[in-house]
Amino acid sequence: MEEKQVSKAHKLVVNNRRTSLVTGVLDVLSFDLNEILLETEQGMMMVKGSDLHVNRLSLEKGEVDLAGNIDSIAYSDAKVQGKQGDNFLSRLFR
């Protein structure tokens, strides 16, 4: 018998490359003015740009509001596993 994986809803809304609403967020792994790394229901999500800010974070609801100049958004299926995961992710998104 096949087991189906049921994942929670994940939504990404970008407005004029200036603001973004992300749902289905499990954790914010790192952020600075040039990149934000989120763990979402659909995998790792890297947002790159300039003057990036996390305006609102609600891990209970799984929502994050981002602001700044968004240049790119990339997903990865990599999973975080302690220190080794951090090294792998930093190499993956260079």
C-alpha atoms as a PDB file:
ATOM      1  CA  MET A   1       0.000   0.000   0.000  1.00  0.00           C
ATOM      2  CA  GLU A   2       1.339   3.420  -0.942  1.00  0.00           C
ATOM      3  CA  GLU A   3       1.491   6.122   1.680  1.00  0.00           C
ATOM      4  CA  LYS A   4       0.698   9.622   0.528  1.00  0.00           C
ATOM      5  CA  GLN A   5       2.579  12.488   2.089  1.00  0.00           C
ATOM      6  CA  VAL A   6       0.246  15.250   3.137  1.00  0.00           C
ATOM      7  CA  SER A   7       1.961  18.599   3.381  1.00  0.00           C
ATOM      8  CA  LYS A   8       0.494  21.786   4.733  1.00  0.00           C
ATOM      9  CA  ALA A   9      -0.257  24.649   2.403  1.00  0.00           C
ATOM     10  CA  HIS A  10       2.642  26.773   1.231  1.00  0.00           C
ATOM     11  CA  LYS A  11       2.017  30.023  -0.590  1.00  0.00           C
ATOM     12  CA  LEU A  12       4.369  32.677  -1.927  1.00  0.00           C
ATOM     13  CA  VAL A  13       3.011  36.096  -2.924  1.00  0.00           C
ATOM     14  CA  VAL A  14       5.404  38.721  -4.309  1.00  0.00           C
ATOM     15  CA  ASN A  15       4.218  42.291  -4.891  1.00  0.00           C
ATOM     16  CA  ASN A  16       6.271  44.395  -7.321  1.00  0.00           C
ATOM     17  CA  ARG A  17       9.481  42.658  -6.178  1.00  0.00           C
ATOM     18  CA  ARG A  18       9.324  44.834  -3.032  1.00  0.00           C
ATOM     19  CA  THR A  19       7.225  42.870  -0.529  1.00  0.00           C
ATOM     20  CA  SER A  20       6.430  39.215  -0.084  1.00  0.00           C
ATOM     21  CA  LEU A  21       4.111  37.065   2.033  1.00  0.00           C
ATOM     22  CA  VAL A  22       5.178  33.464   2.606  1.00  0.00           C
ATOM     23  CA  THR A  23       2.989  30.856   4.315  1.00  0.00           C
ATOM     24  CA  GLY A  24       3.871  27.298   5.251  1.00  0.00           C
ATOM     25  CA  VAL A  25       7.075  28.469   6.947  1.00  0.00           C
ATOM     26  CA  LEU A  26       8.586  26.101   9.510  1.00  0.00           C
ATOM     27  CA  ASP A  27      11.633  28.158  10.495  1.00  0.00           C
ATOM     28  CA  VAL A  28      13.810  31.131   9.542  1.00  0.00           C
ATOM     29  CA  LEU A  29      17.325  29.695   9.386  1.00  0.00           C
ATOM     30  CA  SER A  30      19.259  32.854   8.577  1.00  0.00           C
ATOM     31  CA  PHE A  31      18.780  36.361   7.298  1.00  0.00           C
ATOM     32  CA  ASP A  32      20.748  39.471   6.509  1.00  0.00           C
ATOM     33  CA  LEU A  33      20.366  42.427   4.173  1.00  0.00           C
ATOM     34  CA  ASN A  34      21.251  40.325   1.086  1.00  0.00           C
ATOM     35  CA  GLU A  35      19.634  36.923   1.659  1.00  0.00           C
ATOM     36  CA  ILE A  36      17.020  35.137   3.731  1.00  0.00           C
ATOM     37  CA  LEU A  37      16.905  31.354   4.174  1.00  0.00           C
ATOM     38  CA  LEU A  38      13.550  29.839   5.157  1.00  0.00           C
ATOM     39  CA  GLU A  39      12.570  26.248   5.850  1.00  0.00           C
ATOM     40  CA  THR A  40       9.101  25.762   4.330  1.00  0.00           C
ATOM     41  CA  GLU A  41       6.667  22.899   3.862  1.00  0.00           C
ATOM     42  CA  GLN A  42       7.977  22.578   0.283  1.00  0.00           C
ATOM     43  CA  GLY A  43      11.698  22.608   1.123  1.00  0.00           C
ATOM     44  CA  MET A  44      14.347  25.252   1.700  1.00  0.00           C
ATOM     45  CA  MET A  45      13.651  28.661   0.182  1.00  0.00           C
ATOM     46  CA  MET A  46      16.418  31.202  -0.454  1.00  0.00           C
ATOM     47  CA  VAL A  47      15.455  34.823  -1.136  1.00  0.00           C
ATOM     48  CA  LYS A  48      18.246  37.010  -2.486  1.00  0.00           C
ATOM     49  CA  GLY A  49      18.248  40.747  -3.018  1.00  0.00           C
ATOM     50  CA  SER A  50      19.246  43.950  -1.262  1.00  0.00           C
ATOM     51  CA  ASP A  51      17.973  45.774   1.799  1.00  0.00           C
ATOM     52  CA  LEU A  52      15.949  42.681   2.798  1.00  0.00           C
ATOM     53  CA  HIS A  53      14.001  42.716   6.070  1.00  0.00           C
ATOM     54  CA  VAL A  54      11.737  40.301   7.919  1.00  0.00           C
ATOM     55  CA  ASN A  55       8.834  42.597   8.820  1.00  0.00           C
ATOM     56  CA  ARG A  56       6.628  40.023  10.519  1.00  0.00           C
ATOM     57  CA  LEU A  57       7.276  36.483  11.671  1.00  0.00           C
ATOM     58  CA  SER A  58       4.662  34.137  13.103  1.00  0.00           C
ATOM     59  CA  LEU A  59       5.936  30.572  13.376  1.00  0.00           C
ATOM     60  CA  GLU A  60       2.682  29.562  15.092  1.00  0.00           C
ATOM     61  CA  LYS A  61       0.797  30.505  11.910  1.00  0.00           C
ATOM     62  CA  GLY A  62       3.756  29.664   9.645  1.00  0.00           C
ATOM     63  CA  GLU A  63       3.778  33.137   8.065  1.00  0.00           C
ATOM     64  CA  VAL A  64       6.559  35.570   7.190  1.00  0.00           C
ATOM     65  CA  ASP A  65       6.314  39.044   5.645  1.00  0.00           C
ATOM     66  CA  LEU A  66       9.434  40.149   3.775  1.00  0.00           C
ATOM     67  CA  ALA A  67      10.380  43.561   2.391  1.00  0.00           C
ATOM     68  CA  GLY A  68      13.240  44.886   0.279  1.00  0.00           C
ATOM     69  CA  ASN A  69      14.518  44.570  -3.281  1.00  0.00           C
ATOM     70  CA  ILE A  70      13.896  40.929  -4.238  1.00  0.00           C
ATOM     71  CA  ASP A  71      16.218  39.704  -6.997  1.00  0.00           C
ATOM     72  CA  SER A  72      15.678  35.933  -6.870  1.00  0.00           C
ATOM     73  CA  ILE A  73      13.866  33.148  -5.065  1.00  0.00           C
ATOM     74  CA  ALA A  74      15.149  29.572  -5.196  1.00  0.00           C
ATOM     75  CA  TYR A  75      13.947  26.306  -3.662  1.00  0.00           C
ATOM     76  CA  SER A  76      15.909  23.259  -2.589  1.00  0.00           C
ATOM     77  CA  ASP A  77      14.767  19.897  -1.243  1.00  0.00           C
ATOM     78  CA  ALA A  78      17.734  19.761   1.155  1.00  0.00           C
ATOM     79  CA  LYS A  79      16.944  19.114   4.819  1.00  0.00           C
ATOM     80  CA  VAL A  80      18.691  20.838   7.717  1.00  0.00           C
ATOM     81  CA  GLN A  81      20.653  18.496   9.986  1.00  0.00           C
ATOM     82  CA  GLY A  82      22.521  20.450  12.630  1.00  0.00           C
ATOM     83  CA  LYS A  83      25.978  21.839  11.886  1.00  0.00           C
ATOM     84  CA  GLN A  84      26.542  19.652   8.827  1.00  0.00           C
ATOM     85  CA  GLY A  85      23.292  20.935   7.332  1.00  0.00           C
ATOM     86  CA  ASP A  86      24.446  24.523   7.775  1.00  0.00           C
ATOM     87  CA  ASN A  87      27.682  23.813   5.895  1.00  0.00           C
ATOM     88  CA  PHE A  88      25.844  21.976   3.127  1.00  0.00           C
ATOM     89  CA  LEU A  89      23.282  24.760   2.735  1.00  0.00           C
ATOM     90  CA  SER A  90      25.917  27.485   2.661  1.00  0.00           C
ATOM     91  CA  ARG A  91      27.735  25.620  -0.132  1.00  0.00           C
ATOM     92  CA  LEU A  92      24.473  24.938  -1.972  1.00  0.00           C
ATOM     93  CA  PHE A  93      23.403  28.573  -2.136  1.00  0.00           C
ATOM     94  CA  ARG A  94      26.759  30.210  -2.942  1.00  0.00           C
END
